[in-house]
């Protein structure tokens, strides 16, 4: 996900995006624990996307 796309979203859309990313992160962590995750880089991408969303939320003061 690109930062420019995130900056165009409203505070509620950012919050929904953060919730979906944390759910995705949880699912990936469970797959990793049960050795079903074939591509470990997905976990890193989701973590970085979560950080991007939180950064934009802080910039907008929408926490």
PDB file of N, CA and C in Angstrom:
ATOM      1  N   UNK A   1       0.837  -1.168   0.000  1.00  0.00           N
ATOM      2  CA  UNK A   1       0.000   0.000   0.000  1.00  0.00           C
ATOM      3  C   UNK A   1       0.886   1.236   0.000  1.00  0.00           C
ATOM      4  N   UNK A   2       0.508   2.205  -0.815  1.00  0.00           N
ATOM      5  CA  UNK A   2       1.314   3.409  -0.937  1.00  0.00           C
ATOM      6  C   UNK A   2       0.828   4.489   0.009  1.00  0.00           C
ATOM      7  N   UNK A   3       1.746   5.333   0.412  1.00  0.00           N
ATOM      8  CA  UNK A   3       1.447   6.402   1.360  1.00  0.00           C
ATOM      9  C   UNK A   3       0.477   7.406   0.746  1.00  0.00           C
ATOM     10  N   UNK A   4       0.611   7.666  -0.547  1.00  0.00           N
ATOM     11  CA  UNK A   4      -0.283   8.619  -1.204  1.00  0.00           C
ATOM     12  C   UNK A   4      -1.733   8.153  -1.137  1.00  0.00           C
ATOM     13  N   UNK A   5      -1.949   6.861  -1.275  1.00  0.00           N
ATOM     14  CA  UNK A   5      -3.307   6.308  -1.179  1.00  0.00           C
ATOM     15  C   UNK A   5      -3.853   6.484   0.231  1.00  0.00           C
ATOM     16  N   UNK A   6      -2.999   6.296   1.223  1.00  0.00           N
ATOM     17  CA  UNK A   6      -3.437   6.409   2.609  1.00  0.00           C
ATOM     18  C   UNK A   6      -3.762   7.850   2.980  1.00  0.00           C
ATOM     19  N   UNK A   7      -3.028   8.800   2.438  1.00  0.00           N
ATOM     20  CA  UNK A   7      -3.273  10.200   2.772  1.00  0.00           C
ATOM     21  C   UNK A   7      -4.628  10.679   2.251  1.00  0.00           C
ATOM     22  N   UNK A   8      -5.144  10.029   1.221  1.00  0.00           N
ATOM     23  CA  UNK A   8      -6.436  10.421   0.659  1.00  0.00           C
ATOM     24  C   UNK A   8      -7.612   9.885   1.464  1.00  0.00           C
ATOM     25  N   UNK A   9      -7.366   8.935   2.347  1.00  0.00           N
ATOM     26  CA  UNK A   9      -8.434   8.314   3.122  1.00  0.00           C
ATOM     27  C   UNK A   9      -8.793   9.150   4.340  1.00  0.00           C
ATOM     28  N   UNK A  10     -10.042   9.003   4.766  1.00  0.00           N
ATOM     29  CA  UNK A  10     -10.487   9.716   5.966  1.00  0.00           C
ATOM     30  C   UNK A  10     -10.034   8.953   7.209  1.00  0.00           C
ATOM     31  N   UNK A  11     -10.305   9.550   8.373  1.00  0.00           N
ATOM     32  CA  UNK A  11      -9.879   8.944   9.638  1.00  0.00           C
ATOM     33  C   UNK A  11     -10.578   7.608   9.871  1.00  0.00           C
ATOM     34  N   UNK A  12     -11.872   7.535   9.549  1.00  0.00           N
ATOM     35  CA  UNK A  12     -12.584   6.267   9.760  1.00  0.00           C
ATOM     36  C   UNK A  12     -12.103   5.198   8.788  1.00  0.00           C
ATOM     37  N   UNK A  13     -11.787   5.589   7.571  1.00  0.00           N
ATOM     38  CA  UNK A  13     -11.261   4.622   6.609  1.00  0.00           C
ATOM     39  C   UNK A  13      -9.891   4.111   7.048  1.00  0.00           C
ATOM     40  N   UNK A  14      -9.088   5.008   7.617  1.00  0.00           N
ATOM     41  CA  UNK A  14      -7.778   4.584   8.126  1.00  0.00           C
ATOM     42  C   UNK A  14      -7.935   3.614   9.291  1.00  0.00           C
ATOM     43  N   UNK A  15      -8.900   3.890  10.145  1.00  0.00           N
ATOM     44  CA  UNK A  15      -9.137   3.013  11.286  1.00  0.00           C
ATOM     45  C   UNK A  15      -9.584   1.630  10.810  1.00  0.00           C
ATOM     46  N   UNK A  16     -10.465   1.591   9.808  1.00  0.00           N
ATOM     47  CA  UNK A  16     -10.918   0.306   9.256  1.00  0.00           C
ATOM     48  C   UNK A  16      -9.758  -0.435   8.600  1.00  0.00           C
ATOM     49  N   UNK A  17      -8.891   0.293   7.914  1.00  0.00           N
ATOM     50  CA  UNK A  17      -7.725  -0.313   7.276  1.00  0.00           C
ATOM     51  C   UNK A  17      -6.794  -0.909   8.325  1.00  0.00           C
ATOM     52  N   UNK A  18      -6.618  -0.191   9.431  1.00  0.00           N
ATOM     53  CA  UNK A  18      -5.768  -0.682  10.514  1.00  0.00           C
ATOM     54  C   UNK A  18      -6.342  -1.959  11.115  1.00  0.00           C
ATOM     55  N   UNK A  19      -7.653  -2.002  11.300  1.00  0.00           N
ATOM     56  CA  UNK A  19      -8.285  -3.214  11.840  1.00  0.00           C
ATOM     57  C   UNK A  19      -8.093  -4.402  10.899  1.00  0.00           C
ATOM     58  N   UNK A  20      -8.282  -4.183   9.614  1.00  0.00           N
ATOM     59  CA  UNK A  20      -8.135  -5.291   8.665  1.00  0.00           C
ATOM     60  C   UNK A  20      -6.683  -5.762   8.600  1.00  0.00           C
ATOM     61  N   UNK A  21      -5.745  -4.827   8.702  1.00  0.00           N
ATOM     62  CA  UNK A  21      -4.336  -5.222   8.676  1.00  0.00           C
ATOM     63  C   UNK A  21      -3.929  -5.988   9.925  1.00  0.00           C
ATOM     64  N   UNK A  22      -4.459  -5.598  11.081  1.00  0.00           N
ATOM     65  CA  UNK A  22      -4.120  -6.335  12.298  1.00  0.00           C
ATOM     66  C   UNK A  22      -4.723  -7.730  12.280  1.00  0.00           C
ATOM     67  N   UNK A  23      -5.918  -7.867  11.688  1.00  0.00           N
ATOM     68  CA  UNK A  23      -6.511  -9.204  11.547  1.00  0.00           C
ATOM     69  C   UNK A  23      -5.681 -10.053  10.588  1.00  0.00           C
ATOM     70  N   UNK A  24      -5.198  -9.428   9.514  1.00  0.00           N
ATOM     71  CA  UNK A  24      -4.352 -10.150   8.567  1.00  0.00           C
ATOM     72  C   UNK A  24      -3.041 -10.567   9.224  1.00  0.00           C
ATOM     73  N   UNK A  25      -2.489  -9.673  10.047  1.00  0.00           N
ATOM     74  CA  UNK A  25      -1.249  -9.998  10.751  1.00  0.00           C
ATOM     75  C   UNK A  25      -1.456 -11.173  11.697  1.00  0.00           C
ATOM     76  N   UNK A  26      -2.580 -11.186  12.404  1.00  0.00           N
ATOM     77  CA  UNK A  26      -2.873 -12.289  13.313  1.00  0.00           C
ATOM     78  C   UNK A  26      -2.971 -13.608  12.545  1.00  0.00           C
ATOM     79  N   UNK A  27      -3.677 -13.577  11.419  1.00  0.00           N
ATOM     80  CA  UNK A  27      -3.807 -14.780  10.604  1.00  0.00           C
ATOM     81  C   UNK A  27      -2.464 -15.280  10.106  1.00  0.00           C
ATOM     82  N   UNK A  28      -1.620 -14.359   9.670  1.00  0.00           N
ATOM     83  CA  UNK A  28      -0.290 -14.748   9.195  1.00  0.00           C
ATOM     84  C   UNK A  28       0.566 -15.304  10.330  1.00  0.00           C
ATOM     85  N   UNK A  29       0.446 -14.717  11.527  1.00  0.00           N
ATOM     86  CA  UNK A  29       1.203 -15.240  12.664  1.00  0.00           C
ATOM     87  C   UNK A  29       0.757 -16.641  13.026  1.00  0.00           C
ATOM     88  N   UNK A  30      -0.534 -16.908  12.930  1.00  0.00           N
ATOM     89  CA  UNK A  30      -1.032 -18.254  13.217  1.00  0.00           C
ATOM     90  C   UNK A  30      -0.544 -19.247  12.164  1.00  0.00           C
ATOM     91  N   UNK A  31      -0.523 -18.811  10.904  1.00  0.00           N
ATOM     92  CA  UNK A  31      -0.001 -19.678   9.847  1.00  0.00           C
ATOM     93  C   UNK A  31       1.476 -19.968  10.062  1.00  0.00           C
ATOM     94  N   UNK A  32       2.212 -18.953  10.527  1.00  0.00           N
ATOM     95  CA  UNK A  32       3.635 -19.138  10.793  1.00  0.00           C
ATOM     96  C   UNK A  32       3.845 -20.131  11.938  1.00  0.00           C
ATOM     97  N   UNK A  33       3.009 -20.028  12.957  1.00  0.00           N
ATOM     98  CA  UNK A  33       3.154 -20.905  14.126  1.00  0.00           C
ATOM     99  C   UNK A  33       2.836 -22.355  13.779  1.00  0.00           C
ATOM    100  N   UNK A  34       1.893 -22.554  12.863  1.00  0.00           N
ATOM    101  CA  UNK A  34       1.521 -23.917  12.481  1.00  0.00           C
ATOM    102  C   UNK A  34       2.275 -24.392  11.237  1.00  0.00           C
ATOM    103  N   UNK A  35       3.261 -23.614  10.824  1.00  0.00           N
ATOM    104  CA  UNK A  35       4.128 -23.931   9.684  1.00  0.00           C
ATOM    105  C   UNK A  35       3.344 -24.077   8.385  1.00  0.00           C
ATOM    106  N   UNK A  36       2.310 -23.266   8.214  1.00  0.00           N
ATOM    107  CA  UNK A  36       1.546 -23.271   6.974  1.00  0.00           C
ATOM    108  C   UNK A  36       1.881 -22.076   6.092  1.00  0.00           C
ATOM    109  N   UNK A  37       2.672 -21.148   6.606  1.00  0.00           N
ATOM    110  CA  UNK A  37       3.021 -19.945   5.856  1.00  0.00           C
ATOM    111  C   UNK A  37       4.191 -20.251   4.939  1.00  0.00           C
ATOM    112  N   UNK A  38       3.948 -20.123   3.643  1.00  0.00           N
ATOM    113  CA  UNK A  38       5.005 -20.454   2.687  1.00  0.00           C
ATOM    114  C   UNK A  38       5.857 -19.232   2.331  1.00  0.00           C
ATOM    115  N   UNK A  39       5.277 -18.034   2.441  1.00  0.00           N
ATOM    116  CA  UNK A  39       5.998 -16.825   2.070  1.00  0.00           C
ATOM    117  C   UNK A  39       6.113 -15.915   3.297  1.00  0.00           C
ATOM    118  N   UNK A  40       7.257 -15.939   3.941  1.00  0.00           N
ATOM    119  CA  UNK A  40       7.449 -15.170   5.167  1.00  0.00           C
ATOM    120  C   UNK A  40       7.473 -13.669   4.931  1.00  0.00           C
ATOM    121  N   UNK A  41       7.712 -13.239   3.702  1.00  0.00           N
ATOM    122  CA  UNK A  41       7.779 -11.803   3.434  1.00  0.00           C
ATOM    123  C   UNK A  41       6.411 -11.141   3.551  1.00  0.00           C
ATOM    124  N   UNK A  42       5.333 -11.911   3.498  1.00  0.00           N
ATOM    125  CA  UNK A  42       3.991 -11.347   3.671  1.00  0.00           C
ATOM    126  C   UNK A  42       3.852 -10.729   5.052  1.00  0.00           C
ATOM    127  N   UNK A  43       4.422 -11.365   6.047  1.00  0.00           N
ATOM    128  CA  UNK A  43       4.349 -10.864   7.414  1.00  0.00           C
ATOM    129  C   UNK A  43       5.050  -9.510   7.531  1.00  0.00           C
ATOM    130  N   UNK A  44       6.186  -9.377   6.892  1.00  0.00           N
ATOM    131  CA  UNK A  44       6.929  -8.125   6.909  1.00  0.00           C
ATOM    132  C   UNK A  44       6.155  -7.015   6.195  1.00  0.00           C
ATOM    133  N   UNK A  45       5.529  -7.341   5.068  1.00  0.00           N
ATOM    134  CA  UNK A  45       4.747  -6.347   4.331  1.00  0.00           C
ATOM    135  C   UNK A  45       3.576  -5.834   5.157  1.00  0.00           C
ATOM    136  N   UNK A  46       2.903  -6.739   5.856  1.00  0.00           N
ATOM    137  CA  UNK A  46       1.756  -6.332   6.680  1.00  0.00           C
ATOM    138  C   UNK A  46       2.226  -5.468   7.837  1.00  0.00           C
ATOM    139  N   UNK A  47       3.345  -5.824   8.450  1.00  0.00           N
ATOM    140  CA  UNK A  47       3.870  -5.010   9.554  1.00  0.00           C
ATOM    141  C   UNK A  47       4.206  -3.603   9.086  1.00  0.00           C
ATOM    142  N   UNK A  48       4.798  -3.493   7.908  1.00  0.00           N
ATOM    143  CA  UNK A  48       5.146  -2.171   7.385  1.00  0.00           C
ATOM    144  C   UNK A  48       3.893  -1.378   7.020  1.00  0.00           C
ATOM    145  N   UNK A  49       2.883  -2.048   6.474  1.00  0.00           N
ATOM    146  CA  UNK A  49       1.629  -1.362   6.158  1.00  0.00           C
ATOM    147  C   UNK A  49       0.956  -0.844   7.425  1.00  0.00           C
ATOM    148  N   UNK A  50       0.997  -1.634   8.493  1.00  0.00           N
ATOM    149  CA  UNK A  50       0.431  -1.191   9.775  1.00  0.00           C
ATOM    150  C   UNK A  50       1.170   0.055  10.255  1.00  0.00           C
ATOM    151  N   UNK A  51       2.481   0.057  10.134  1.00  0.00           N
ATOM    152  CA  UNK A  51       3.273   1.215  10.555  1.00  0.00           C
ATOM    153  C   UNK A  51       2.928   2.436   9.707  1.00  0.00           C
ATOM    154  N   UNK A  52       2.723   2.231   8.402  1.00  0.00           N
ATOM    155  CA  UNK A  52       2.354   3.348   7.529  1.00  0.00           C
ATOM    156  C   UNK A  52       1.011   3.941   7.933  1.00  0.00           C
ATOM    157  N   UNK A  53       0.033   3.079   8.191  1.00  0.00           N
ATOM    158  CA  UNK A  53      -1.298   3.554   8.571  1.00  0.00           C
ATOM    159  C   UNK A  53      -1.227   4.313   9.891  1.00  0.00           C
ATOM    160  N   UNK A  54      -0.498   3.780  10.855  1.00  0.00           N
ATOM    161  CA  UNK A  54      -0.382   4.457  12.149  1.00  0.00           C
ATOM    162  C   UNK A  54       0.315   5.809  12.004  1.00  0.00           C
ATOM    163  N   UNK A  55       1.303   5.889  11.134  1.00  0.00           N
ATOM    164  CA  UNK A  55       2.004   7.143  10.912  1.00  0.00           C
ATOM    165  C   UNK A  55       1.066   8.189  10.315  1.00  0.00           C
ATOM    166  N   UNK A  56       0.284   7.803   9.328  1.00  0.00           N
ATOM    167  CA  UNK A  56      -0.655   8.736   8.697  1.00  0.00           C
ATOM    168  C   UNK A  56      -1.723   9.149   9.697  1.00  0.00           C
ATOM    169  N   UNK A  57      -2.175   8.216  10.526  1.00  0.00           N
ATOM    170  CA  UNK A  57      -3.173   8.557  11.544  1.00  0.00           C
ATOM    171  C   UNK A  57      -2.605   9.573  12.529  1.00  0.00           C
ATOM    172  N   UNK A  58      -1.339   9.426  12.887  1.00  0.00           N
ATOM    173  CA  UNK A  58      -0.705  10.374  13.794  1.00  0.00           C
ATOM    174  C   UNK A  58      -0.559  11.744  13.133  1.00  0.00           C
ATOM    175  N   UNK A  59      -0.198  11.745  11.843  1.00  0.00           N
ATOM    176  CA  UNK A  59      -0.069  13.009  11.119  1.00  0.00           C
ATOM    177  C   UNK A  59      -1.409  13.758  11.079  1.00  0.00           C
ATOM    178  N   UNK A  60      -2.476  13.014  10.895  1.00  0.00           N
ATOM    179  CA  UNK A  60      -3.796  13.636  10.817  1.00  0.00           C
ATOM    180  C   UNK A  60      -4.391  13.889  12.196  1.00  0.00           C
ATOM    181  N   UNK A  61      -3.789  13.338  13.218  1.00  0.00           N
ATOM    182  CA  UNK A  61      -4.325  13.473  14.571  1.00  0.00           C
ATOM    183  C   UNK A  61      -5.609  12.698  14.747  1.00  0.00           C
ATOM    184  N   UNK A  62      -5.684  11.539  14.115  1.00  0.00           N
ATOM    185  CA  UNK A  62      -6.925  10.766  14.087  1.00  0.00           C
ATOM    186  C   UNK A  62      -6.860   9.515  14.944  1.00  0.00           C
ATOM    187  N   UNK A  63      -6.168   9.557  16.052  1.00  0.00           N
ATOM    188  CA  UNK A  63      -6.124   8.366  16.894  1.00  0.00           C
ATOM    189  C   UNK A  63      -7.151   8.518  17.923  1.00  0.00           C
TER     190      UNK A  63
END
